[in-house]
PDB file of N, CA and C in Angstrom:
ATOM      1  N   ILE A   1     -36.280  29.288  67.392  1.00  0.00           N
ATOM      2  CA  ILE A   1     -36.400  30.021  68.394  1.00  0.00           C
ATOM      3  C   ILE A   1     -37.082  31.362  67.943  1.00  0.00           C
ATOM      4  N   MET A   2     -38.244  31.452  68.528  1.00  0.00           N
ATOM      5  CA  MET A   2     -39.030  32.761  68.164  1.00  0.00           C
ATOM      6  C   MET A   2     -38.625  33.842  69.055  1.00  0.00           C
ATOM      7  N   CYS A   3     -38.327  35.060  68.375  1.00  0.00           N
ATOM      8  CA  CYS A   3     -37.819  36.135  68.946  1.00  0.00           C
ATOM      9  C   CYS A   3     -38.806  37.307  68.749  1.00  0.00           C
ATOM     10  N   THR A   4     -39.525  37.979  69.678  1.00  0.00           N
ATOM     11  CA  THR A   4     -40.566  38.917  69.475  1.00  0.00           C
ATOM     12  C   THR A   4     -40.833  39.825  70.690  1.00  0.00           C
ATOM     13  N   SER A   5     -41.654  40.835  70.356  1.00  0.00           N
ATOM     14  CA  SER A   5     -42.041  41.660  71.609  1.00  0.00           C
ATOM     15  C   SER A   5     -43.109  41.363  72.249  1.00  0.00           C
ATOM     16  N   LYS A   6     -43.879  40.425  71.728  1.00  0.00           N
ATOM     17  CA  LYS A   6     -45.075  39.863  72.370  1.00  0.00           C
ATOM     18  C   LYS A   6     -44.543  38.870  73.652  1.00  0.00           C
ATOM     19  N   ASN A   7     -45.037  39.417  74.645  1.00  0.00           N
ATOM     20  CA  ASN A   7     -44.694  38.693  75.818  1.00  0.00           C
ATOM     21  C   ASN A   7     -45.725  38.186  76.646  1.00  0.00           C
ATOM     22  N   GLN A   8     -47.113  38.241  76.386  1.00  0.00           N
ATOM     23  CA  GLN A   8     -48.098  37.536  77.154  1.00  0.00           C
ATOM     24  C   GLN A   8     -48.016  36.182  77.102  1.00  0.00           C
ATOM     25  N   GLU A   9     -48.658  35.401  78.116  1.00  0.00           N
ATOM     26  CA  GLU A   9     -48.647  33.939  77.952  1.00  0.00           C
ATOM     27  C   GLU A   9     -49.147  33.389  76.814  1.00  0.00           C
ATOM     28  N   THR A  10     -50.434  34.007  76.415  1.00  0.00           N
ATOM     29  CA  THR A  10     -51.133  33.497  75.185  1.00  0.00           C
ATOM     30  C   THR A  10     -50.247  33.509  73.909  1.00  0.00           C
ATOM     31  N   ASP A  11     -49.272  34.668  73.898  1.00  0.00           N
ATOM     32  CA  ASP A  11     -48.480  34.685  72.872  1.00  0.00           C
ATOM     33  C   ASP A  11     -47.318  33.601  72.925  1.00  0.00           C
ATOM     34  N   ARG A  12     -46.774  33.417  73.958  1.00  0.00           N
ATOM     35  CA  ARG A  12     -45.815  32.402  74.260  1.00  0.00           C
ATOM     36  C   ARG A  12     -46.361  30.854  73.945  1.00  0.00           C
ATOM     37  N   VAL A  13     -47.605  30.756  74.398  1.00  0.00           N
ATOM     38  CA  VAL A  13     -48.306  29.395  74.160  1.00  0.00           C
ATOM     39  C   VAL A  13     -48.505  29.351  72.622  1.00  0.00           C
ATOM     40  N   TRP A  14     -48.921  30.371  71.952  1.00  0.00           N
ATOM     41  CA  TRP A  14     -49.184  30.282  70.523  1.00  0.00           C
ATOM     42  C   TRP A  14     -47.820  29.994  69.793  1.00  0.00           C
ATOM     43  N   GLY A  15     -46.970  30.523  69.966  1.00  0.00           N
ATOM     44  CA  GLY A  15     -45.435  30.389  69.457  1.00  0.00           C
ATOM     45  C   GLY A  15     -45.083  28.870  69.494  1.00  0.00           C
ATOM     46  N   MET A  16     -45.128  28.416  70.642  1.00  0.00           N
ATOM     47  CA  MET A  16     -44.804  26.954  71.029  1.00  0.00           C
ATOM     48  C   MET A  16     -45.654  26.045  70.107  1.00  0.00           C
ATOM     49  N   ARG A  17     -46.900  26.288  70.034  1.00  0.00           N
ATOM     50  CA  ARG A  17     -47.712  25.453  69.222  1.00  0.00           C
ATOM     51  C   ARG A  17     -47.551  25.679  67.756  1.00  0.00           C
ATOM     52  N   GLN A  18     -46.979  26.697  67.396  1.00  0.00           N
ATOM     53  CA  GLN A  18     -46.618  26.833  65.886  1.00  0.00           C
ATOM     54  C   GLN A  18     -45.316  26.068  65.618  1.00  0.00           C
ATOM     55  N   GLY A  19     -44.598  25.512  66.578  1.00  0.00           N
ATOM     56  CA  GLY A  19     -43.596  24.786  66.297  1.00  0.00           C
ATOM     57  C   GLY A  19     -42.124  25.300  66.843  1.00  0.00           C
ATOM     58  N   ALA A  20     -42.125  26.552  67.383  1.00  0.00           N
ATOM     59  CA  ALA A  20     -41.077  26.985  67.883  1.00  0.00           C
ATOM     60  C   ALA A  20     -40.453  26.356  68.916  1.00  0.00           C
ATOM     61  N   ARG A  21     -39.011  26.089  68.988  1.00  0.00           N
ATOM     62  CA  ARG A  21     -38.547  25.383  70.008  1.00  0.00           C
ATOM     63  C   ARG A  21     -38.072  26.065  71.140  1.00  0.00           C
ATOM     64  N   GLY A  22     -38.112  27.298  70.787  1.00  0.00           N
ATOM     65  CA  GLY A  22     -37.709  28.327  72.116  1.00  0.00           C
ATOM     66  C   GLY A  22     -38.485  29.598  71.943  1.00  0.00           C
ATOM     67  N   TYR A  23     -38.511  30.627  72.668  1.00  0.00           N
ATOM     68  CA  TYR A  23     -39.332  31.659  72.705  1.00  0.00           C
ATOM     69  C   TYR A  23     -38.707  32.664  73.560  1.00  0.00           C
ATOM     70  N   ILE A  24     -38.233  33.805  72.987  1.00  0.00           N
ATOM     71  CA  ILE A  24     -37.592  34.982  73.770  1.00  0.00           C
ATOM     72  C   ILE A  24     -38.084  36.198  73.517  1.00  0.00           C
ATOM     73  N   THR A  25     -38.339  37.046  74.418  1.00  0.00           N
ATOM     74  CA  THR A  25     -38.914  38.385  74.231  1.00  0.00           C
ATOM     75  C   THR A  25     -37.765  39.330  74.055  1.00  0.00           C
ATOM     76  N   LYS A  26     -38.093  40.486  73.370  1.00  0.00           N
ATOM     77  CA  LYS A  26     -37.334  41.759  73.259  1.00  0.00           C
ATOM     78  C   LYS A  26     -37.416  42.590  74.537  1.00  0.00           C
ATOM     79  N   PRO A  27     -36.489  43.303  74.886  1.00  0.00           N
ATOM     80  CA  PRO A  27     -35.283  43.282  74.479  1.00  0.00           C
ATOM     81  C   PRO A  27     -34.429  42.010  74.804  1.00  0.00           C
ATOM     82  N   VAL A  28     -33.751  41.502  73.873  1.00  0.00           N
ATOM     83  CA  VAL A  28     -32.974  40.220  73.938  1.00  0.00           C
ATOM     84  C   VAL A  28     -31.788  40.139  74.552  1.00  0.00           C
ATOM     85  N   ASP A  29     -31.529  39.504  75.708  1.00  0.00           N
ATOM     86  CA  ASP A  29     -30.244  39.316  76.511  1.00  0.00           C
ATOM     87  C   ASP A  29     -29.338  38.361  75.729  1.00  0.00           C
ATOM     88  N   ALA A  30     -28.299  38.753  75.075  1.00  0.00           N
ATOM     89  CA  ALA A  30     -27.321  38.018  74.307  1.00  0.00           C
ATOM     90  C   ALA A  30     -27.095  36.575  74.932  1.00  0.00           C
ATOM     91  N   ALA A  31     -26.852  36.684  76.056  1.00  0.00           N
ATOM     92  CA  ALA A  31     -26.392  35.449  76.787  1.00  0.00           C
ATOM     93  C   ALA A  31     -27.392  34.404  76.935  1.00  0.00           C
ATOM     94  N   GLU A  32     -28.497  34.898  77.116  1.00  0.00           N
ATOM     95  CA  GLU A  32     -29.961  34.102  77.199  1.00  0.00           C
ATOM     96  C   GLU A  32     -30.099  33.360  75.886  1.00  0.00           C
ATOM     97  N   LEU A  33     -29.968  34.170  75.053  1.00  0.00           N
ATOM     98  CA  LEU A  33     -30.307  33.743  73.451  1.00  0.00           C
ATOM     99  C   LEU A  33     -29.213  32.601  73.052  1.00  0.00           C
ATOM    100  N   GLN A  34     -28.075  32.986  73.480  1.00  0.00           N
ATOM    101  CA  GLN A  34     -26.885  31.854  73.291  1.00  0.00           C
ATOM    102  C   GLN A  34     -27.281  30.545  73.916  1.00  0.00           C
ATOM    103  N   ALA A  35     -27.506  30.738  75.130  1.00  0.00           N
ATOM    104  CA  ALA A  35     -27.846  29.521  75.936  1.00  0.00           C
ATOM    105  C   ALA A  35     -29.020  28.742  75.366  1.00  0.00           C
ATOM    106  N   LYS A  36     -30.082  29.462  74.720  1.00  0.00           N
ATOM    107  CA  LYS A  36     -31.209  28.608  74.036  1.00  0.00           C
ATOM    108  C   LYS A  36     -30.812  28.157  72.898  1.00  0.00           C
ATOM    109  N   ILE A  37     -29.887  28.659  72.052  1.00  0.00           N
ATOM    110  CA  ILE A  37     -29.265  28.117  70.908  1.00  0.00           C
ATOM    111  C   ILE A  37     -28.527  26.994  71.168  1.00  0.00           C
ATOM    112  N   ASP A  38     -27.553  27.062  72.330  1.00  0.00           N
ATOM    113  CA  ASP A  38     -26.825  25.914  72.575  1.00  0.00           C
ATOM    114  C   ASP A  38     -27.570  24.723  72.956  1.00  0.00           C
ATOM    115  N   ALA A  39     -28.842  25.045  73.882  1.00  0.00           N
ATOM    116  CA  ALA A  39     -29.542  23.819  74.204  1.00  0.00           C
ATOM    117  C   ALA A  39     -30.307  23.056  73.096  1.00  0.00           C
ATOM    118  N   LEU A  40     -30.347  23.814  71.896  1.00  0.00           N
ATOM    119  CA  LEU A  40     -30.923  23.048  70.808  1.00  0.00           C
ATOM    120  C   LEU A  40     -30.102  21.968  70.074  1.00  0.00           C
ATOM    121  N   ASN A  41     -28.821  22.061  70.552  1.00  0.00           N
ATOM    122  CA  ASN A  41     -27.853  21.212  69.752  1.00  0.00           C
ATOM    123  C   ASN A  41     -27.621  19.747  70.628  1.00  0.00           C
TER     124      ASN A  41
END
């Protein structure tokens, strides 16, 4: 899961193309991050 302050569509697409299985932008919501982590399992 990539966690970054970059939130433009091009940034998200780049991250996913680099192999990230998730992309979340700062500030991070703890519940959202946990849900993304849980979804990986």
